[in-house]
């Protein structure tokens, strides 16, 4: 499932190594070394890469070190690389259970690129999603309120649309969809204008601030947010962190019955966030949302290509809580997804 094609391409080999390191949550500097080298060599023609590999002058290039040069030289000489093969073998199994459910997923509704706080460009994210077997992916870079994540203004968002069109032309029939992760502000409003939201294919709404607000305030805020007619998905509903480099954070407190009832009434899916540090919502709330009749999306919230392969973390939890496939929106093909989105 997680093996990326190399096909004798040294740049693809470097990106594959970076993917596997991202998948296993390796140190950022290791990932960056391979992605930087791949980007640098992508600026050159294949002939120059091969001639430099033969001459041993790859490391003369800024951003290409001994280890990355060794991978390139080996791929040029043999068509493959021991480093790639070892990592591919190590990552042959899914990161978690939920294999049957993961096989039913057609796409991912929550992803980020370098346009906001992601680590790779739009094409690389989309190409990786395609190589993992997805038919579509929604690009949901942050909205303008989240300045710490380089959130996009409406003008920048519309500039991004042109890039999405170029990616779709290159990767067809794979579809990259126009999305956004908006902030649910303290008063429950959404930090993006309606005219922009109307141009998008899918809107994820999340709370990113004042996560320790009193339950009453958080409930009103979330109910108001999911009642916005343009919102399609409630993202990482408790905001908790259970592990990882950012430390831990307890879940927000809110009236789950009221929030999930509002999701149901407004046709908003509850996100099962697959990031290992989030795994949000907790199992008890996931079961409560299911009992309320809500629909779901199983998303990675990926900020790097390797993280796109984290969906099994969410699939495992969904299966444990007996969420039916029919309740999971991203098991649908792109036309059915868009029809669901325009249900109102």
C-alpha atoms as a PDB file:
ATOM      1  CA  UNK A   1       0.000   0.000   0.000  1.00  0.00           C
ATOM      2  CA  UNK A   2       2.725   2.458   0.944  1.00  0.00           C
ATOM      3  CA  UNK A   3       5.359   1.575  -1.687  1.00  0.00           C
ATOM      4  CA  UNK A   4       6.057   4.500  -4.004  1.00  0.00           C
ATOM      5  CA  UNK A   5       7.209   3.893  -7.589  1.00  0.00           C
ATOM      6  CA  UNK A   6      10.832   4.693  -8.413  1.00  0.00           C
ATOM      7  CA  UNK A   7      11.130   3.169 -11.907  1.00  0.00           C
ATOM      8  CA  UNK A   8      14.794   4.006 -12.294  1.00  0.00           C
ATOM      9  CA  UNK A   9      14.246   7.702 -11.589  1.00  0.00           C
ATOM     10  CA  UNK A  10      16.853   9.030  -9.121  1.00  0.00           C
ATOM     11  CA  UNK A  11      14.701  12.013  -8.136  1.00  0.00           C
ATOM     12  CA  UNK A  12      11.741   9.716  -7.441  1.00  0.00           C
ATOM     13  CA  UNK A  13      14.087   7.616  -5.310  1.00  0.00           C
ATOM     14  CA  UNK A  14      15.047  10.629  -3.174  1.00  0.00           C
ATOM     15  CA  UNK A  15      11.402  11.535  -2.727  1.00  0.00           C
ATOM     16  CA  UNK A  16      10.578   7.951  -1.797  1.00  0.00           C
ATOM     17  CA  UNK A  17      13.203   7.989   0.962  1.00  0.00           C
ATOM     18  CA  UNK A  18      11.756  11.251   2.290  1.00  0.00           C
ATOM     19  CA  UNK A  19       8.248   9.757   2.149  1.00  0.00           C
ATOM     20  CA  UNK A  20       9.243   6.735   4.235  1.00  0.00           C
ATOM     21  CA  UNK A  21      10.998   8.933   6.795  1.00  0.00           C
ATOM     22  CA  UNK A  22       7.913  11.158   7.049  1.00  0.00           C
ATOM     23  CA  UNK A  23       5.712   8.101   7.433  1.00  0.00           C
ATOM     24  CA  UNK A  24       7.729   6.928  10.444  1.00  0.00           C
ATOM     25  CA  UNK A  25       7.951  10.447  11.934  1.00  0.00           C
ATOM     26  CA  UNK A  26      11.729  10.692  11.595  1.00  0.00           C
ATOM     27  CA  UNK A  27      13.612  13.856  12.488  1.00  0.00           C
ATOM     28  CA  UNK A  28      12.791  16.743  10.175  1.00  0.00           C
ATOM     29  CA  UNK A  29      16.416  17.293   9.162  1.00  0.00           C
ATOM     30  CA  UNK A  30      16.598  13.778   7.659  1.00  0.00           C
ATOM     31  CA  UNK A  31      13.483  14.346   5.583  1.00  0.00           C
ATOM     32  CA  UNK A  32      14.617  17.798   4.508  1.00  0.00           C
ATOM     33  CA  UNK A  33      17.971  16.492   3.245  1.00  0.00           C
ATOM     34  CA  UNK A  34      16.296  14.203   0.720  1.00  0.00           C
ATOM     35  CA  UNK A  35      13.574  16.618  -0.333  1.00  0.00           C
ATOM     36  CA  UNK A  36      16.113  19.446  -0.777  1.00  0.00           C
ATOM     37  CA  UNK A  37      18.330  17.229  -2.922  1.00  0.00           C
ATOM     38  CA  UNK A  38      15.356  16.105  -5.002  1.00  0.00           C
ATOM     39  CA  UNK A  39      14.278  19.690  -5.610  1.00  0.00           C
ATOM     40  CA  UNK A  40      17.810  20.728  -6.559  1.00  0.00           C
ATOM     41  CA  UNK A  41      18.285  17.880  -9.036  1.00  0.00           C
ATOM     42  CA  UNK A  42      14.834  18.426 -10.505  1.00  0.00           C
ATOM     43  CA  UNK A  43      16.153  21.768 -11.765  1.00  0.00           C
ATOM     44  CA  UNK A  44      18.695  19.910 -13.921  1.00  0.00           C
ATOM     45  CA  UNK A  45      18.157  17.771 -17.004  1.00  0.00           C
ATOM     46  CA  UNK A  46      18.341  13.992 -16.677  1.00  0.00           C
ATOM     47  CA  UNK A  47      21.535  13.930 -18.759  1.00  0.00           C
ATOM     48  CA  UNK A  48      23.324  16.295 -16.383  1.00  0.00           C
ATOM     49  CA  UNK A  49      22.223  14.300 -13.337  1.00  0.00           C
ATOM     50  CA  UNK A  50      23.544  11.120 -14.899  1.00  0.00           C
ATOM     51  CA  UNK A  51      26.833  12.693 -16.013  1.00  0.00           C
ATOM     52  CA  UNK A  52      27.427  14.167 -12.560  1.00  0.00           C
ATOM     53  CA  UNK A  53      26.626  10.812 -10.958  1.00  0.00           C
ATOM     54  CA  UNK A  54      29.162   9.121 -13.223  1.00  0.00           C
ATOM     55  CA  UNK A  55      31.782  11.797 -12.548  1.00  0.00           C
ATOM     56  CA  UNK A  56      31.168  11.869  -8.791  1.00  0.00           C
ATOM     57  CA  UNK A  57      30.382  15.593  -8.790  1.00  0.00           C
ATOM     58  CA  UNK A  58      26.824  15.562  -7.426  1.00  0.00           C
ATOM     59  CA  UNK A  59      28.004  16.856  -4.060  1.00  0.00           C
ATOM     60  CA  UNK A  60      29.376  19.960  -5.764  1.00  0.00           C
ATOM     61  CA  UNK A  61      25.753  21.072  -5.976  1.00  0.00           C
ATOM     62  CA  UNK A  62      24.320  23.029  -3.083  1.00  0.00           C
ATOM     63  CA  UNK A  63      21.793  20.906  -1.200  1.00  0.00           C
ATOM     64  CA  UNK A  64      23.197  17.538  -2.301  1.00  0.00           C
ATOM     65  CA  UNK A  65      25.116  15.639   0.380  1.00  0.00           C
ATOM     66  CA  UNK A  66      27.028  12.362   0.401  1.00  0.00           C
ATOM     67  CA  UNK A  67      24.060  10.165   1.333  1.00  0.00           C
ATOM     68  CA  UNK A  68      21.669  11.691  -1.163  1.00  0.00           C
ATOM     69  CA  UNK A  69      24.344  11.597  -3.879  1.00  0.00           C
ATOM     70  CA  UNK A  70      24.960   7.916  -3.143  1.00  0.00           C
ATOM     71  CA  UNK A  71      21.274   7.109  -3.655  1.00  0.00           C
ATOM     72  CA  UNK A  72      21.234   8.992  -6.958  1.00  0.00           C
ATOM     73  CA  UNK A  73      24.435   7.342  -8.211  1.00  0.00           C
ATOM     74  CA  UNK A  74      23.135   3.887  -7.351  1.00  0.00           C
ATOM     75  CA  UNK A  75      19.814   4.453  -9.107  1.00  0.00           C
ATOM     76  CA  UNK A  76      21.563   5.813 -12.186  1.00  0.00           C
ATOM     77  CA  UNK A  77      23.862   2.776 -12.270  1.00  0.00           C
ATOM     78  CA  UNK A  78      21.402   0.008 -11.369  1.00  0.00           C
ATOM     79  CA  UNK A  79      17.878   1.385 -11.629  1.00  0.00           C
ATOM     80  CA  UNK A  80      17.262   1.048  -7.908  1.00  0.00           C
ATOM     81  CA  UNK A  81      18.782   1.822  -4.519  1.00  0.00           C
ATOM     82  CA  UNK A  82      19.452  -0.383  -1.497  1.00  0.00           C
ATOM     83  CA  UNK A  83      18.340   2.468   0.781  1.00  0.00           C
ATOM     84  CA  UNK A  84      14.975   2.708  -0.978  1.00  0.00           C
ATOM     85  CA  UNK A  85      14.498  -1.063  -1.050  1.00  0.00           C
ATOM     86  CA  UNK A  86      15.289  -1.408   2.656  1.00  0.00           C
ATOM     87  CA  UNK A  87      12.876   1.360   3.602  1.00  0.00           C
ATOM     88  CA  UNK A  88      10.181  -0.012   1.303  1.00  0.00           C
ATOM     89  CA  UNK A  89      10.508  -3.435   2.936  1.00  0.00           C
ATOM     90  CA  UNK A  90      10.415  -1.889   6.385  1.00  0.00           C
ATOM     91  CA  UNK A  91       7.233  -0.001   5.486  1.00  0.00           C
ATOM     92  CA  UNK A  92       5.494  -2.822   3.666  1.00  0.00           C
ATOM     93  CA  UNK A  93       2.784  -3.099   6.305  1.00  0.00           C
ATOM     94  CA  UNK A  94       0.154  -0.442   7.120  1.00  0.00           C
ATOM     95  CA  UNK A  95       0.925   1.811  10.096  1.00  0.00           C
ATOM     96  CA  UNK A  96      -2.148   0.455  11.923  1.00  0.00           C
ATOM     97  CA  UNK A  97      -5.150  -1.840  11.484  1.00  0.00           C
ATOM     98  CA  UNK A  98      -8.343  -1.011   9.672  1.00  0.00           C
ATOM     99  CA  UNK A  99      -7.014  -2.507   6.442  1.00  0.00           C
ATOM    100  CA  UNK A 100     -10.428  -3.347   5.002  1.00  0.00           C
ATOM    101  CA  UNK A 101     -11.753   0.146   5.649  1.00  0.00           C
ATOM    102  CA  UNK A 102      -8.618   1.813   4.272  1.00  0.00           C
ATOM    103  CA  UNK A 103      -9.097  -0.151   1.050  1.00  0.00           C
ATOM    104  CA  UNK A 104     -12.575   1.377   0.724  1.00  0.00           C
ATOM    105  CA  UNK A 105     -11.374   4.995   0.962  1.00  0.00           C
ATOM    106  CA  UNK A 106     -11.230   6.902  -2.295  1.00  0.00           C
ATOM    107  CA  UNK A 107      -9.643  10.115  -1.040  1.00  0.00           C
ATOM    108  CA  UNK A 108      -8.551  12.402   1.770  1.00  0.00           C
ATOM    109  CA  UNK A 109     -10.509  15.533   2.742  1.00  0.00           C
ATOM    110  CA  UNK A 110      -7.906  17.348   4.880  1.00  0.00           C
ATOM    111  CA  UNK A 111      -4.361  18.081   3.617  1.00  0.00           C
ATOM    112  CA  UNK A 112      -1.881  20.965   3.629  1.00  0.00           C
ATOM    113  CA  UNK A 113       0.924  22.209   1.383  1.00  0.00           C
ATOM    114  CA  UNK A 114       3.734  24.765   1.508  1.00  0.00           C
ATOM    115  CA  UNK A 115       1.143  27.414   0.714  1.00  0.00           C
ATOM    116  CA  UNK A 116       0.270  27.365   4.416  1.00  0.00           C
ATOM    117  CA  UNK A 117       2.193  25.275   6.958  1.00  0.00           C
ATOM    118  CA  UNK A 118       2.848  22.083   4.984  1.00  0.00           C
ATOM    119  CA  UNK A 119       6.282  20.768   4.080  1.00  0.00           C
ATOM    120  CA  UNK A 120       5.852  19.969   0.367  1.00  0.00           C
ATOM    121  CA  UNK A 121       4.384  21.643  -2.674  1.00  0.00           C
ATOM    122  CA  UNK A 122       0.925  20.965  -4.056  1.00  0.00           C
ATOM    123  CA  UNK A 123       2.053  18.717  -6.910  1.00  0.00           C
ATOM    124  CA  UNK A 124       4.122  16.508  -4.614  1.00  0.00           C
ATOM    125  CA  UNK A 125       1.226  16.089  -2.177  1.00  0.00           C
ATOM    126  CA  UNK A 126      -1.239  15.264  -4.960  1.00  0.00           C
ATOM    127  CA  UNK A 127       1.133  12.921  -6.777  1.00  0.00           C
ATOM    128  CA  UNK A 128       1.768  10.998  -3.571  1.00  0.00           C
ATOM    129  CA  UNK A 129      -1.949  10.705  -2.847  1.00  0.00           C
ATOM    130  CA  UNK A 130      -2.418   9.284  -6.341  1.00  0.00           C
ATOM    131  CA  UNK A 131       0.465   6.842  -5.896  1.00  0.00           C
ATOM    132  CA  UNK A 132      -1.101   5.629  -2.651  1.00  0.00           C
ATOM    133  CA  UNK A 133      -4.214   4.667  -4.585  1.00  0.00           C
ATOM    134  CA  UNK A 134      -6.480   7.650  -4.027  1.00  0.00           C
ATOM    135  CA  UNK A 135      -8.742   8.866  -6.816  1.00  0.00           C
ATOM    136  CA  UNK A 136      -8.965  12.367  -5.363  1.00  0.00           C
ATOM    137  CA  UNK A 137      -7.638  14.618  -2.611  1.00  0.00           C
ATOM    138  CA  UNK A 138      -8.904  17.874  -1.138  1.00  0.00           C
ATOM    139  CA  UNK A 139      -6.269  20.563  -0.560  1.00  0.00           C
ATOM    140  CA  UNK A 140      -7.302  22.417   2.615  1.00  0.00           C
ATOM    141  CA  UNK A 141      -4.579  24.924   3.411  1.00  0.00           C
ATOM    142  CA  UNK A 142      -5.365  27.128   6.400  1.00  0.00           C
ATOM    143  CA  UNK A 143      -7.474  30.267   6.228  1.00  0.00           C
ATOM    144  CA  UNK A 144      -6.342  33.805   6.941  1.00  0.00           C
ATOM    145  CA  UNK A 145      -6.972  33.945  10.704  1.00  0.00           C
ATOM    146  CA  UNK A 146      -4.317  31.319  11.467  1.00  0.00           C
ATOM    147  CA  UNK A 147      -1.332  33.542  10.798  1.00  0.00           C
ATOM    148  CA  UNK A 148       0.998  31.223  12.723  1.00  0.00           C
ATOM    149  CA  UNK A 149       0.301  28.650   9.980  1.00  0.00           C
ATOM    150  CA  UNK A 150       0.711  31.175   7.135  1.00  0.00           C
ATOM    151  CA  UNK A 151      -3.027  31.112   6.488  1.00  0.00           C
ATOM    152  CA  UNK A 152      -4.132  32.209   3.021  1.00  0.00           C
ATOM    153  CA  UNK A 153      -6.031  35.390   2.308  1.00  0.00           C
ATOM    154  CA  UNK A 154      -8.897  35.086  -0.204  1.00  0.00           C
ATOM    155  CA  UNK A 155      -6.628  36.585  -2.862  1.00  0.00           C
ATOM    156  CA  UNK A 156      -3.892  34.011  -2.265  1.00  0.00           C
ATOM    157  CA  UNK A 157      -6.499  31.244  -2.193  1.00  0.00           C
ATOM    158  CA  UNK A 158      -7.715  32.227  -5.638  1.00  0.00           C
ATOM    159  CA  UNK A 159      -4.124  32.283  -6.882  1.00  0.00           C
ATOM    160  CA  UNK A 160      -3.891  28.700  -5.650  1.00  0.00           C
ATOM    161  CA  UNK A 161      -6.817  27.698  -7.863  1.00  0.00           C
ATOM    162  CA  UNK A 162      -4.643  28.105 -10.960  1.00  0.00           C
ATOM    163  CA  UNK A 163      -2.023  25.755  -9.510  1.00  0.00           C
ATOM    164  CA  UNK A 164      -4.727  23.201  -8.736  1.00  0.00           C
ATOM    165  CA  UNK A 165      -5.866  23.362 -12.369  1.00  0.00           C
ATOM    166  CA  UNK A 166      -2.294  22.717 -13.539  1.00  0.00           C
ATOM    167  CA  UNK A 167      -1.934  19.755 -11.188  1.00  0.00           C
ATOM    168  CA  UNK A 168      -5.203  18.280 -12.418  1.00  0.00           C
ATOM    169  CA  UNK A 169      -4.064  18.619 -16.020  1.00  0.00           C
ATOM    170  CA  UNK A 170      -0.859  16.743 -15.193  1.00  0.00           C
ATOM    171  CA  UNK A 171      -2.313  14.002 -12.972  1.00  0.00           C
ATOM    172  CA  UNK A 172      -5.685  13.299 -14.634  1.00  0.00           C
ATOM    173  CA  UNK A 173      -7.799  11.269 -14.056  1.00  0.00           C
ATOM    174  CA  UNK A 174      -6.763  11.909 -10.434  1.00  0.00           C
ATOM    175  CA  UNK A 175      -8.630  14.964  -9.107  1.00  0.00           C
ATOM    176  CA  UNK A 176      -7.302  17.590  -6.733  1.00  0.00           C
ATOM    177  CA  UNK A 177     -10.202  19.526  -5.221  1.00  0.00           C
ATOM    178  CA  UNK A 178     -10.355  23.111  -3.979  1.00  0.00           C
ATOM    179  CA  UNK A 179     -10.712  23.076  -0.216  1.00  0.00           C
ATOM    180  CA  UNK A 180      -9.985  25.078   2.893  1.00  0.00           C
ATOM    181  CA  UNK A 181      -9.591  24.579   6.626  1.00  0.00           C
ATOM    182  CA  UNK A 182     -11.315  27.582   8.144  1.00  0.00           C
ATOM    183  CA  UNK A 183     -11.165  28.718  11.747  1.00  0.00           C
ATOM    184  CA  UNK A 184     -14.287  28.714  13.869  1.00  0.00           C
ATOM    185  CA  UNK A 185     -13.754  32.040  15.625  1.00  0.00           C
ATOM    186  CA  UNK A 186     -14.701  32.781  19.237  1.00  0.00           C
ATOM    187  CA  UNK A 187     -18.115  34.124  18.220  1.00  0.00           C
ATOM    188  CA  UNK A 188     -18.784  31.045  16.060  1.00  0.00           C
ATOM    189  CA  UNK A 189     -18.268  32.831  12.758  1.00  0.00           C
ATOM    190  CA  UNK A 190     -15.984  31.530   9.993  1.00  0.00           C
ATOM    191  CA  UNK A 191     -12.871  33.437   8.937  1.00  0.00           C
ATOM    192  CA  UNK A 192     -13.561  33.362   5.207  1.00  0.00           C
ATOM    193  CA  UNK A 193     -16.117  35.295   3.143  1.00  0.00           C
ATOM    194  CA  UNK A 194     -19.134  33.532   1.677  1.00  0.00           C
ATOM    195  CA  UNK A 195     -18.207  34.379  -1.905  1.00  0.00           C
ATOM    196  CA  UNK A 196     -14.927  32.493  -1.492  1.00  0.00           C
ATOM    197  CA  UNK A 197     -16.541  29.544   0.302  1.00  0.00           C
ATOM    198  CA  UNK A 198     -19.017  29.260  -2.574  1.00  0.00           C
ATOM    199  CA  UNK A 199     -16.114  28.698  -4.988  1.00  0.00           C
ATOM    200  CA  UNK A 200     -14.708  25.775  -3.020  1.00  0.00           C
ATOM    201  CA  UNK A 201     -15.377  22.054  -3.329  1.00  0.00           C
ATOM    202  CA  UNK A 202     -15.185  21.302   0.402  1.00  0.00           C
ATOM    203  CA  UNK A 203     -14.859  23.255   3.660  1.00  0.00           C
ATOM    204  CA  UNK A 204     -13.360  21.857   6.868  1.00  0.00           C
ATOM    205  CA  UNK A 205     -14.039  23.996   9.955  1.00  0.00           C
ATOM    206  CA  UNK A 206     -11.895  23.662  13.074  1.00  0.00           C
ATOM    207  CA  UNK A 207     -11.277  25.402  16.380  1.00  0.00           C
ATOM    208  CA  UNK A 208      -7.611  26.392  16.769  1.00  0.00           C
ATOM    209  CA  UNK A 209      -7.673  28.937  19.613  1.00  0.00           C
ATOM    210  CA  UNK A 210      -8.922  29.351  23.191  1.00  0.00           C
ATOM    211  CA  UNK A 211      -9.218  25.565  23.427  1.00  0.00           C
ATOM    212  CA  UNK A 212      -9.652  25.681  27.210  1.00  0.00           C
ATOM    213  CA  UNK A 213     -12.730  27.893  27.056  1.00  0.00           C
ATOM    214  CA  UNK A 214     -15.619  26.941  29.360  1.00  0.00           C
ATOM    215  CA  UNK A 215     -17.853  24.187  28.004  1.00  0.00           C
ATOM    216  CA  UNK A 216     -20.826  26.508  27.510  1.00  0.00           C
ATOM    217  CA  UNK A 217     -18.795  28.932  25.392  1.00  0.00           C
ATOM    218  CA  UNK A 218     -17.134  26.191  23.350  1.00  0.00           C
ATOM    219  CA  UNK A 219     -20.475  24.501  22.701  1.00  0.00           C
ATOM    220  CA  UNK A 220     -22.087  27.693  21.410  1.00  0.00           C
ATOM    221  CA  UNK A 221     -19.016  28.431  19.290  1.00  0.00           C
ATOM    222  CA  UNK A 222     -18.968  24.981  17.667  1.00  0.00           C
ATOM    223  CA  UNK A 223     -22.721  24.788  17.111  1.00  0.00           C
ATOM    224  CA  UNK A 224     -22.648  28.157  15.396  1.00  0.00           C
ATOM    225  CA  UNK A 225     -19.650  27.116  13.288  1.00  0.00           C
ATOM    226  CA  UNK A 226     -21.158  23.904  11.953  1.00  0.00           C
ATOM    227  CA  UNK A 227     -24.441  25.710  11.297  1.00  0.00           C
ATOM    228  CA  UNK A 228     -22.747  27.811   8.614  1.00  0.00           C
ATOM    229  CA  UNK A 229     -24.281  26.530   5.345  1.00  0.00           C
ATOM    230  CA  UNK A 230     -20.882  26.341   3.639  1.00  0.00           C
ATOM    231  CA  UNK A 231     -19.252  24.085   6.255  1.00  0.00           C
ATOM    232  CA  UNK A 232     -18.981  20.395   5.312  1.00  0.00           C
ATOM    233  CA  UNK A 233     -16.679  18.861   7.937  1.00  0.00           C
ATOM    234  CA  UNK A 234     -16.012  19.498  11.628  1.00  0.00           C
ATOM    235  CA  UNK A 235     -12.242  19.047  11.991  1.00  0.00           C
ATOM    236  CA  UNK A 236     -10.415  17.499  14.998  1.00  0.00           C
ATOM    237  CA  UNK A 237     -13.310  18.383  17.291  1.00  0.00           C
ATOM    238  CA  UNK A 238     -11.607  18.284  20.718  1.00  0.00           C
ATOM    239  CA  UNK A 239      -8.264  19.785  19.681  1.00  0.00           C
ATOM    240  CA  UNK A 240      -6.450  17.332  21.932  1.00  0.00           C
ATOM    241  CA  UNK A 241      -2.814  16.252  21.586  1.00  0.00           C
ATOM    242  CA  UNK A 242      -1.937  12.848  22.989  1.00  0.00           C
ATOM    243  CA  UNK A 243       1.733  12.613  21.991  1.00  0.00           C
ATOM    244  CA  UNK A 244       4.362  14.204  19.753  1.00  0.00           C
ATOM    245  CA  UNK A 245       6.827  17.043  19.643  1.00  0.00           C
ATOM    246  CA  UNK A 246       4.275  19.697  20.606  1.00  0.00           C
ATOM    247  CA  UNK A 247       3.603  17.927  23.897  1.00  0.00           C
ATOM    248  CA  UNK A 248       0.186  16.873  25.112  1.00  0.00           C
ATOM    249  CA  UNK A 249      -3.026  18.860  25.452  1.00  0.00           C
ATOM    250  CA  UNK A 250      -6.303  17.812  27.048  1.00  0.00           C
ATOM    251  CA  UNK A 251      -9.453  17.770  24.934  1.00  0.00           C
ATOM    252  CA  UNK A 252     -11.712  20.781  24.854  1.00  0.00           C
ATOM    253  CA  UNK A 253     -14.901  20.418  26.833  1.00  0.00           C
ATOM    254  CA  UNK A 254     -18.269  20.939  25.166  1.00  0.00           C
ATOM    255  CA  UNK A 255     -21.760  19.491  25.081  1.00  0.00           C
ATOM    256  CA  UNK A 256     -21.117  16.694  22.597  1.00  0.00           C
ATOM    257  CA  UNK A 257     -24.802  15.889  22.243  1.00  0.00           C
ATOM    258  CA  UNK A 258     -25.569  19.453  21.159  1.00  0.00           C
ATOM    259  CA  UNK A 259     -22.601  19.692  18.798  1.00  0.00           C
ATOM    260  CA  UNK A 260     -23.222  16.351  17.087  1.00  0.00           C
ATOM    261  CA  UNK A 261     -26.933  17.101  16.811  1.00  0.00           C
ATOM    262  CA  UNK A 262     -26.007  20.357  15.052  1.00  0.00           C
ATOM    263  CA  UNK A 263     -23.703  18.412  12.718  1.00  0.00           C
ATOM    264  CA  UNK A 264     -26.540  16.019  11.905  1.00  0.00           C
ATOM    265  CA  UNK A 265     -29.068  18.785  11.319  1.00  0.00           C
ATOM    266  CA  UNK A 266     -26.711  20.677   9.031  1.00  0.00           C
ATOM    267  CA  UNK A 267     -25.330  17.699   7.129  1.00  0.00           C
ATOM    268  CA  UNK A 268     -21.799  18.238   8.486  1.00  0.00           C
ATOM    269  CA  UNK A 269     -19.519  15.206   8.717  1.00  0.00           C
ATOM    270  CA  UNK A 270     -17.431  14.633  11.857  1.00  0.00           C
ATOM    271  CA  UNK A 271     -13.764  14.166  11.071  1.00  0.00           C
ATOM    272  CA  UNK A 272     -11.894  11.122  12.350  1.00  0.00           C
ATOM    273  CA  UNK A 273      -8.462  12.734  12.392  1.00  0.00           C
ATOM    274  CA  UNK A 274      -5.709  10.176  11.778  1.00  0.00           C
ATOM    275  CA  UNK A 275      -2.694  12.165  12.955  1.00  0.00           C
ATOM    276  CA  UNK A 276      -0.999  10.044  15.648  1.00  0.00           C
ATOM    277  CA  UNK A 277      -0.734  13.017  18.006  1.00  0.00           C
ATOM    278  CA  UNK A 278      -4.438  13.818  17.639  1.00  0.00           C
ATOM    279  CA  UNK A 279      -6.509  10.629  17.082  1.00  0.00           C
ATOM    280  CA  UNK A 280      -9.481  12.904  17.461  1.00  0.00           C
ATOM    281  CA  UNK A 281     -12.263  12.406  18.479  1.00  0.00           C
ATOM    282  CA  UNK A 282     -11.624  10.050  21.397  1.00  0.00           C
ATOM    283  CA  UNK A 283     -13.449   6.719  21.134  1.00  0.00           C
ATOM    284  CA  UNK A 284     -16.256   7.706  23.511  1.00  0.00           C
ATOM    285  CA  UNK A 285     -17.093  10.800  21.452  1.00  0.00           C
ATOM    286  CA  UNK A 286     -16.728   8.876  18.208  1.00  0.00           C
ATOM    287  CA  UNK A 287     -19.321   6.391  19.446  1.00  0.00           C
ATOM    288  CA  UNK A 288     -21.551   9.234  20.605  1.00  0.00           C
ATOM    289  CA  UNK A 289     -21.376  10.891  17.174  1.00  0.00           C
ATOM    290  CA  UNK A 290     -22.265   7.555  15.576  1.00  0.00           C
ATOM    291  CA  UNK A 291     -25.243   7.107  17.914  1.00  0.00           C
ATOM    292  CA  UNK A 292     -26.377  10.629  16.997  1.00  0.00           C
ATOM    293  CA  UNK A 293     -26.525   9.560  13.349  1.00  0.00           C
ATOM    294  CA  UNK A 294     -23.607  11.646  12.062  1.00  0.00           C
ATOM    295  CA  UNK A 295     -21.592  10.945   8.939  1.00  0.00           C
ATOM    296  CA  UNK A 296     -17.785  10.883   9.036  1.00  0.00           C
ATOM    297  CA  UNK A 297     -14.634  11.501   7.045  1.00  0.00           C
ATOM    298  CA  UNK A 298     -11.360   9.728   7.827  1.00  0.00           C
ATOM    299  CA  UNK A 299      -8.616  12.255   7.134  1.00  0.00           C
ATOM    300  CA  UNK A 300      -4.866  12.471   7.602  1.00  0.00           C
ATOM    301  CA  UNK A 301      -4.559  16.242   8.140  1.00  0.00           C
ATOM    302  CA  UNK A 302      -1.277  15.594   6.329  1.00  0.00           C
ATOM    303  CA  UNK A 303       1.372  18.305   6.268  1.00  0.00           C
ATOM    304  CA  UNK A 304       3.864  16.169   4.308  1.00  0.00           C
ATOM    305  CA  UNK A 305       3.586  13.418   1.674  1.00  0.00           C
ATOM    306  CA  UNK A 306       4.564  10.586   4.019  1.00  0.00           C
ATOM    307  CA  UNK A 307       1.770  11.568   6.373  1.00  0.00           C
ATOM    308  CA  UNK A 308      -0.790  10.813   3.666  1.00  0.00           C
ATOM    309  CA  UNK A 309      -0.249   7.154   4.544  1.00  0.00           C
ATOM    310  CA  UNK A 310      -1.480   7.662   8.124  1.00  0.00           C
ATOM    311  CA  UNK A 311      -5.137   6.994   7.309  1.00  0.00           C
ATOM    312  CA  UNK A 312      -5.020   3.480   8.839  1.00  0.00           C
ATOM    313  CA  UNK A 313      -4.752   5.107  12.285  1.00  0.00           C
ATOM    314  CA  UNK A 314      -8.205   6.578  11.755  1.00  0.00           C
ATOM    315  CA  UNK A 315      -9.541   3.495   9.976  1.00  0.00           C
ATOM    316  CA  UNK A 316      -8.559   1.292  12.908  1.00  0.00           C
ATOM    317  CA  UNK A 317     -10.458   3.491  15.344  1.00  0.00           C
ATOM    318  CA  UNK A 318     -13.482   3.658  13.066  1.00  0.00           C
ATOM    319  CA  UNK A 319     -13.593  -0.126  12.824  1.00  0.00           C
ATOM    320  CA  UNK A 320     -13.172  -0.501  16.582  1.00  0.00           C
ATOM    321  CA  UNK A 321     -16.187   1.774  17.054  1.00  0.00           C
ATOM    322  CA  UNK A 322     -18.136  -0.080  14.339  1.00  0.00           C
ATOM    323  CA  UNK A 323     -18.600   2.895  12.039  1.00  0.00           C
ATOM    324  CA  UNK A 324     -20.328   1.553   8.891  1.00  0.00           C
ATOM    325  CA  UNK A 325     -18.707   2.166   5.513  1.00  0.00           C
ATOM    326  CA  UNK A 326     -21.955   3.784   4.374  1.00  0.00           C
ATOM    327  CA  UNK A 327     -21.427   6.528   6.974  1.00  0.00           C
ATOM    328  CA  UNK A 328     -17.942   7.443   5.712  1.00  0.00           C
ATOM    329  CA  UNK A 329     -18.084  10.147   3.074  1.00  0.00           C
ATOM    330  CA  UNK A 330     -14.624   9.632   1.622  1.00  0.00           C
ATOM    331  CA  UNK A 331     -15.441   6.101   0.496  1.00  0.00           C
ATOM    332  CA  UNK A 332     -17.311   7.798  -2.366  1.00  0.00           C
ATOM    333  CA  UNK A 333     -16.032   8.684  -5.797  1.00  0.00           C
ATOM    334  CA  UNK A 334     -15.425  12.313  -6.620  1.00  0.00           C
ATOM    335  CA  UNK A 335     -18.763  12.945  -8.299  1.00  0.00           C
ATOM    336  CA  UNK A 336     -20.670  11.507  -5.343  1.00  0.00           C
ATOM    337  CA  UNK A 337     -18.527  13.544  -2.959  1.00  0.00           C
ATOM    338  CA  UNK A 338     -19.319  16.760  -4.817  1.00  0.00           C
ATOM    339  CA  UNK A 339     -22.993  15.858  -4.966  1.00  0.00           C
ATOM    340  CA  UNK A 340     -22.948  15.315  -1.191  1.00  0.00           C
ATOM    341  CA  UNK A 341     -21.234  18.662  -0.732  1.00  0.00           C
ATOM    342  CA  UNK A 342     -23.926  20.494  -2.692  1.00  0.00           C
ATOM    343  CA  UNK A 343     -26.752  18.760  -0.839  1.00  0.00           C
ATOM    344  CA  UNK A 344     -28.182  22.018   0.600  1.00  0.00           C
END
